[in-house]
């Protein structure tokens, strides 16, 4: 399956066009770029993490959301789940080579967000006060 961008302006969408709602890549894109997806994959960039450490690293995520996302990423081949037979069992997650590649791209996005979040917030608050002044 080849996934890409449309051929050009006015071109009819194909199943490999990420702008087409039927493109299989849209499901992957939705999961990767969700709030929790980006943070989970970025956190795993530093190496394997046990479930509870990963949960604690990502402030605000519930165990349910973490578990659902990790299950999906494992099904997509982006993470690998290892269970050690201890009491209680120790579960560790790590990125696969494909997960490392995806996470590297997402970390670039997170870097941009971190570098620009303050300026965006300032712009947003300035726009909000300018909008209320015109009301």
C-alpha atoms as a PDB file:
ATOM      1  CA  UNK A   1       0.000   0.000   0.000  1.00  0.00           C
ATOM      2  CA  UNK A   2       1.401   3.335  -1.015  1.00  0.00           C
ATOM      3  CA  UNK A   3       0.346   6.350   0.986  1.00  0.00           C
ATOM      4  CA  UNK A   4       1.003   9.877  -0.100  1.00  0.00           C
ATOM      5  CA  UNK A   5      -0.377  13.234  -1.017  1.00  0.00           C
ATOM      6  CA  UNK A   6      -2.700  14.138  -3.876  1.00  0.00           C
ATOM      7  CA  UNK A   7      -1.203  14.389  -7.350  1.00  0.00           C
ATOM      8  CA  UNK A   8      -2.085  18.033  -7.748  1.00  0.00           C
ATOM      9  CA  UNK A   9      -4.721  20.699  -7.587  1.00  0.00           C
ATOM     10  CA  UNK A  10      -8.083  19.333  -8.680  1.00  0.00           C
ATOM     11  CA  UNK A  11      -6.868  15.716  -8.755  1.00  0.00           C
ATOM     12  CA  UNK A  12      -9.417  13.125  -7.665  1.00  0.00           C
ATOM     13  CA  UNK A  13      -8.595  11.512  -4.298  1.00  0.00           C
ATOM     14  CA  UNK A  14      -7.259   7.964  -4.296  1.00  0.00           C
ATOM     15  CA  UNK A  15      -7.133   5.400  -1.490  1.00  0.00           C
ATOM     16  CA  UNK A  16      -3.489   6.381  -0.935  1.00  0.00           C
ATOM     17  CA  UNK A  17      -4.331  10.065  -0.485  1.00  0.00           C
ATOM     18  CA  UNK A  18      -4.107  11.094   3.197  1.00  0.00           C
ATOM     19  CA  UNK A  19      -6.639  13.836   2.494  1.00  0.00           C
ATOM     20  CA  UNK A  20      -9.234  11.218   1.505  1.00  0.00           C
ATOM     21  CA  UNK A  21     -11.354  10.118   4.484  1.00  0.00           C
ATOM     22  CA  UNK A  22     -11.191   6.492   3.259  1.00  0.00           C
ATOM     23  CA  UNK A  23      -7.392   6.375   3.198  1.00  0.00           C
ATOM     24  CA  UNK A  24      -6.121   3.656   5.598  1.00  0.00           C
ATOM     25  CA  UNK A  25      -3.321   5.986   6.677  1.00  0.00           C
ATOM     26  CA  UNK A  26      -5.905   8.276   8.300  1.00  0.00           C
ATOM     27  CA  UNK A  27      -6.434   5.764  11.117  1.00  0.00           C
ATOM     28  CA  UNK A  28      -2.696   5.652  11.751  1.00  0.00           C
ATOM     29  CA  UNK A  29      -2.434   9.444  11.536  1.00  0.00           C
ATOM     30  CA  UNK A  30      -5.297   9.880  14.006  1.00  0.00           C
ATOM     31  CA  UNK A  31      -3.641   7.598  16.571  1.00  0.00           C
ATOM     32  CA  UNK A  32      -0.113   8.946  16.133  1.00  0.00           C
ATOM     33  CA  UNK A  33      -1.101  12.580  16.368  1.00  0.00           C
ATOM     34  CA  UNK A  34      -3.579  12.292  19.212  1.00  0.00           C
ATOM     35  CA  UNK A  35      -2.571  14.144  22.377  1.00  0.00           C
ATOM     36  CA  UNK A  36      -1.671  10.914  24.161  1.00  0.00           C
ATOM     37  CA  UNK A  37      -0.162   9.231  21.115  1.00  0.00           C
ATOM     38  CA  UNK A  38       2.434  11.930  20.580  1.00  0.00           C
ATOM     39  CA  UNK A  39       3.403  11.998  24.263  1.00  0.00           C
ATOM     40  CA  UNK A  40       3.586   8.197  24.633  1.00  0.00           C
ATOM     41  CA  UNK A  41       5.817   7.706  21.613  1.00  0.00           C
ATOM     42  CA  UNK A  42       8.018  10.671  22.533  1.00  0.00           C
ATOM     43  CA  UNK A  43       8.426   9.349  26.092  1.00  0.00           C
ATOM     44  CA  UNK A  44       9.517   5.959  24.752  1.00  0.00           C
ATOM     45  CA  UNK A  45      12.253   7.597  22.629  1.00  0.00           C
ATOM     46  CA  UNK A  46      14.547   7.546  25.647  1.00  0.00           C
ATOM     47  CA  UNK A  47      14.322   3.759  25.908  1.00  0.00           C
ATOM     48  CA  UNK A  48      12.112   1.012  27.330  1.00  0.00           C
ATOM     49  CA  UNK A  49       9.780   1.996  30.149  1.00  0.00           C
ATOM     50  CA  UNK A  50       7.627   0.020  32.530  1.00  0.00           C
ATOM     51  CA  UNK A  51       3.914   0.763  32.357  1.00  0.00           C
ATOM     52  CA  UNK A  52       3.680   2.629  35.664  1.00  0.00           C
ATOM     53  CA  UNK A  53       6.783   4.739  34.937  1.00  0.00           C
ATOM     54  CA  UNK A  54       5.373   5.676  31.544  1.00  0.00           C
ATOM     55  CA  UNK A  55       2.041   6.567  33.189  1.00  0.00           C
ATOM     56  CA  UNK A  56       3.795   8.759  35.763  1.00  0.00           C
ATOM     57  CA  UNK A  57       5.942  10.431  33.071  1.00  0.00           C
ATOM     58  CA  UNK A  58       2.873  11.580  31.122  1.00  0.00           C
ATOM     59  CA  UNK A  59       0.965  13.863  33.459  1.00  0.00           C
ATOM     60  CA  UNK A  60      -2.813  13.553  33.276  1.00  0.00           C
ATOM     61  CA  UNK A  61      -3.076  10.286  31.344  1.00  0.00           C
ATOM     62  CA  UNK A  62      -5.325   7.625  32.842  1.00  0.00           C
ATOM     63  CA  UNK A  63      -4.256   3.999  32.999  1.00  0.00           C
ATOM     64  CA  UNK A  64      -7.140   3.172  30.648  1.00  0.00           C
ATOM     65  CA  UNK A  65      -6.004   5.673  27.983  1.00  0.00           C
ATOM     66  CA  UNK A  66      -2.383   4.613  28.310  1.00  0.00           C
ATOM     67  CA  UNK A  67      -3.333   0.959  28.016  1.00  0.00           C
ATOM     68  CA  UNK A  68      -5.576   1.557  24.969  1.00  0.00           C
ATOM     69  CA  UNK A  69      -2.934   3.568  23.147  1.00  0.00           C
ATOM     70  CA  UNK A  70      -0.146   1.105  23.917  1.00  0.00           C
ATOM     71  CA  UNK A  71      -2.335  -1.768  22.695  1.00  0.00           C
ATOM     72  CA  UNK A  72      -3.006   0.097  19.444  1.00  0.00           C
ATOM     73  CA  UNK A  73       0.666   0.970  18.940  1.00  0.00           C
ATOM     74  CA  UNK A  74       1.608  -2.665  19.540  1.00  0.00           C
ATOM     75  CA  UNK A  75      -0.999  -3.762  16.973  1.00  0.00           C
ATOM     76  CA  UNK A  76       0.416  -1.197  14.510  1.00  0.00           C
ATOM     77  CA  UNK A  77       3.940  -2.547  15.053  1.00  0.00           C
ATOM     78  CA  UNK A  78       5.219   0.657  16.674  1.00  0.00           C
ATOM     79  CA  UNK A  79       5.774  -0.669  20.200  1.00  0.00           C
ATOM     80  CA  UNK A  80       6.727  -3.995  21.677  1.00  0.00           C
ATOM     81  CA  UNK A  81       5.301  -5.273  24.960  1.00  0.00           C
ATOM     82  CA  UNK A  82       7.448  -7.489  27.168  1.00  0.00           C
ATOM     83  CA  UNK A  83       6.039  -9.233  30.240  1.00  0.00           C
ATOM     84  CA  UNK A  84       8.521 -10.469  32.825  1.00  0.00           C
ATOM     85  CA  UNK A  85       7.253 -13.356  34.970  1.00  0.00           C
ATOM     86  CA  UNK A  86       7.591 -11.665  38.325  1.00  0.00           C
ATOM     87  CA  UNK A  87       5.005 -11.255  41.031  1.00  0.00           C
ATOM     88  CA  UNK A  88       3.247  -9.026  40.117  1.00  0.00           C
ATOM     89  CA  UNK A  89       4.184  -9.254  36.410  1.00  0.00           C
ATOM     90  CA  UNK A  90       6.451  -6.480  35.160  1.00  0.00           C
ATOM     91  CA  UNK A  91       5.336  -5.074  31.795  1.00  0.00           C
ATOM     92  CA  UNK A  92       7.794  -3.026  29.747  1.00  0.00           C
ATOM     93  CA  UNK A  93       7.199  -1.168  26.493  1.00  0.00           C
ATOM     94  CA  UNK A  94       9.786  -0.242  23.907  1.00  0.00           C
ATOM     95  CA  UNK A  95       9.703   1.244  20.436  1.00  0.00           C
ATOM     96  CA  UNK A  96      10.207  -1.005  17.422  1.00  0.00           C
ATOM     97  CA  UNK A  97      12.410   0.320  14.594  1.00  0.00           C
ATOM     98  CA  UNK A  98       9.289   1.677  12.872  1.00  0.00           C
ATOM     99  CA  UNK A  99       8.198   3.232  16.182  1.00  0.00           C
ATOM    100  CA  UNK A 100      11.597   4.899  16.571  1.00  0.00           C
ATOM    101  CA  UNK A 101      11.186   6.446  13.127  1.00  0.00           C
ATOM    102  CA  UNK A 102       7.651   7.707  13.887  1.00  0.00           C
ATOM    103  CA  UNK A 103       8.651   8.998  17.327  1.00  0.00           C
ATOM    104  CA  UNK A 104      11.579  10.946  15.870  1.00  0.00           C
ATOM    105  CA  UNK A 105       9.169  12.800  13.582  1.00  0.00           C
ATOM    106  CA  UNK A 106       6.787  13.503  16.460  1.00  0.00           C
ATOM    107  CA  UNK A 107       9.591  14.757  18.697  1.00  0.00           C
ATOM    108  CA  UNK A 108      10.341  17.348  16.032  1.00  0.00           C
ATOM    109  CA  UNK A 109       6.740  18.518  16.304  1.00  0.00           C
ATOM    110  CA  UNK A 110       6.975  18.586  20.108  1.00  0.00           C
ATOM    111  CA  UNK A 111      10.173  20.620  19.876  1.00  0.00           C
ATOM    112  CA  UNK A 112       8.444  23.142  17.654  1.00  0.00           C
ATOM    113  CA  UNK A 113       5.462  23.308  20.034  1.00  0.00           C
ATOM    114  CA  UNK A 114       7.743  23.825  23.045  1.00  0.00           C
ATOM    115  CA  UNK A 115       9.683  26.557  21.247  1.00  0.00           C
ATOM    116  CA  UNK A 116       6.546  28.404  20.139  1.00  0.00           C
ATOM    117  CA  UNK A 117       3.913  27.706  22.818  1.00  0.00           C
ATOM    118  CA  UNK A 118       4.573  30.898  24.756  1.00  0.00           C
ATOM    119  CA  UNK A 119       4.407  33.112  21.660  1.00  0.00           C
ATOM    120  CA  UNK A 120       1.201  31.378  20.547  1.00  0.00           C
ATOM    121  CA  UNK A 121      -0.359  31.838  23.991  1.00  0.00           C
ATOM    122  CA  UNK A 122       0.606  35.534  23.949  1.00  0.00           C
ATOM    123  CA  UNK A 123      -0.827  35.959  20.471  1.00  0.00           C
ATOM    124  CA  UNK A 124      -3.965  34.136  21.518  1.00  0.00           C
ATOM    125  CA  UNK A 125      -4.493  36.286  24.605  1.00  0.00           C
ATOM    126  CA  UNK A 126      -3.817  39.403  22.550  1.00  0.00           C
ATOM    127  CA  UNK A 127      -6.371  38.279  19.971  1.00  0.00           C
ATOM    128  CA  UNK A 128      -8.889  37.516  22.715  1.00  0.00           C
ATOM    129  CA  UNK A 129      -8.573  40.986  24.248  1.00  0.00           C
ATOM    130  CA  UNK A 130      -8.721  42.621  20.802  1.00  0.00           C
ATOM    131  CA  UNK A 131     -11.876  40.601  19.965  1.00  0.00           C
ATOM    132  CA  UNK A 132     -13.612  41.556  23.213  1.00  0.00           C
ATOM    133  CA  UNK A 133     -12.744  45.239  22.645  1.00  0.00           C
ATOM    134  CA  UNK A 134     -14.594  45.112  19.309  1.00  0.00           C
ATOM    135  CA  UNK A 135     -17.721  43.491  20.794  1.00  0.00           C
END
